[in-house]
Amino acid sequence: MDSGTVSGIVTGVLIVAFIGIAAWAYSKRRKPDFDEAANLPFADDDAQPNRDTSASPNGADSRKNGSCKSKGDRNT
């Protein structure tokens, strides 16, 4: 096989893959999932909980209550 034949085979495989992905994306079974994903930017996200586990529950800065042992810059 020469390089032209290999190039033609690879091109054919890529065309078949493209057609398969396009058929999957535009199938009627996927429409509800894609419609839901399309509306995600408009979802109301005001009630989402704080996922930061290092934050204190009352929102106070932990450095203000004296839990920080080091005072000043150690590099001086």
Protein backbone atom coordinates (compact mmCIF):
# COMPACT_ATOMS: atom_id res chain seq x y z
CA MET A 1 0.00 0.00 0.00
CA ASP A 2 1.28 3.39 -0.86
CA SER A 3 0.67 6.63 1.02
CA GLY A 4 -2.25 7.58 -1.23
CA THR A 5 -4.18 4.44 -0.29
CA VAL A 6 -3.54 4.94 3.44
CA SER A 7 -4.57 8.57 3.16
CA GLY A 8 -7.79 7.56 1.39
CA ILE A 9 -8.61 4.96 4.05
CA VAL A 10 -7.99 7.44 6.87
CA THR A 11 -10.15 10.04 5.11
CA GLY A 12 -12.96 7.50 4.69
CA VAL A 13 -12.81 6.53 8.36
CA LEU A 14 -12.91 10.18 9.42
CA ILE A 15 -15.91 10.88 7.16
CA VAL A 16 -17.78 7.91 8.65
CA ALA A 17 -16.90 9.10 12.18
CA PHE A 18 -18.12 12.63 11.39
CA ILE A 19 -21.41 11.35 10.00
CA GLY A 20 -21.86 9.12 13.06
CA ILE A 21 -21.25 11.98 15.51
CA ALA A 22 -23.57 14.30 13.55
CA ALA A 23 -26.31 11.64 13.53
CA TRP A 24 -25.86 11.13 17.30
CA ALA A 25 -26.01 14.86 18.01
CA TYR A 26 -29.14 15.46 15.94
CA SER A 27 -31.02 12.32 17.00
CA LYS A 28 -34.42 12.77 18.62
CA ARG A 29 -33.33 10.75 21.68
CA ARG A 30 -30.69 13.37 22.57
CA LYS A 31 -32.95 16.42 22.15
CA PRO A 32 -34.20 16.57 25.79
CA ASP A 33 -30.64 16.38 27.12
CA PHE A 34 -29.41 19.10 24.79
CA ASP A 35 -32.42 21.31 25.56
CA GLU A 36 -31.68 21.00 29.28
CA ALA A 37 -28.02 21.84 28.72
CA ALA A 38 -28.99 24.84 26.57
CA ASN A 39 -31.07 26.27 29.43
CA LEU A 40 -28.38 25.90 32.11
CA PRO A 41 -27.16 29.53 31.81
CA PHE A 42 -30.66 30.68 32.70
CA ALA A 43 -31.03 28.45 35.76
CA ASP A 44 -31.59 30.17 39.09
CA ASP A 45 -28.37 29.62 41.02
CA ASP A 46 -29.02 31.95 43.98
CA ALA A 47 -29.80 29.11 46.38
CA GLN A 48 -26.66 27.06 45.79
CA PRO A 49 -24.76 26.24 48.98
CA ASN A 50 -21.22 27.41 49.66
CA ARG A 51 -18.91 24.56 48.67
CA ASP A 52 -15.83 26.07 50.30
CA THR A 53 -15.04 23.71 53.17
CA SER A 54 -12.26 25.91 54.51
CA ALA A 55 -14.60 28.83 55.18
CA SER A 56 -15.91 29.27 58.69
CA PRO A 57 -19.64 28.80 59.13
CA ASN A 58 -20.29 32.39 60.21
CA GLY A 59 -18.21 33.87 57.41
CA ALA A 60 -15.62 35.40 59.74
CA ASP A 61 -11.97 35.49 58.78
CA SER A 62 -10.10 32.85 60.82
CA ARG A 63 -7.00 35.06 60.95
CA LYS A 64 -8.82 37.66 63.04
CA ASN A 65 -9.53 35.40 65.99
CA GLY A 66 -5.89 34.75 66.87
CA SER A 67 -5.63 31.23 65.50
CA CYS A 68 -2.73 32.25 63.29
CA LYS A 69 0.47 31.39 65.18
CA SER A 70 2.99 33.25 63.04
CA LYS A 71 3.28 37.00 63.53
CA GLY A 72 4.79 39.01 60.72
CA ASP A 73 6.91 38.03 57.78
CA ARG A 74 9.29 35.10 58.30
CA ASN A 75 11.49 36.15 55.40
CA THR A 76 12.96 39.17 57.19
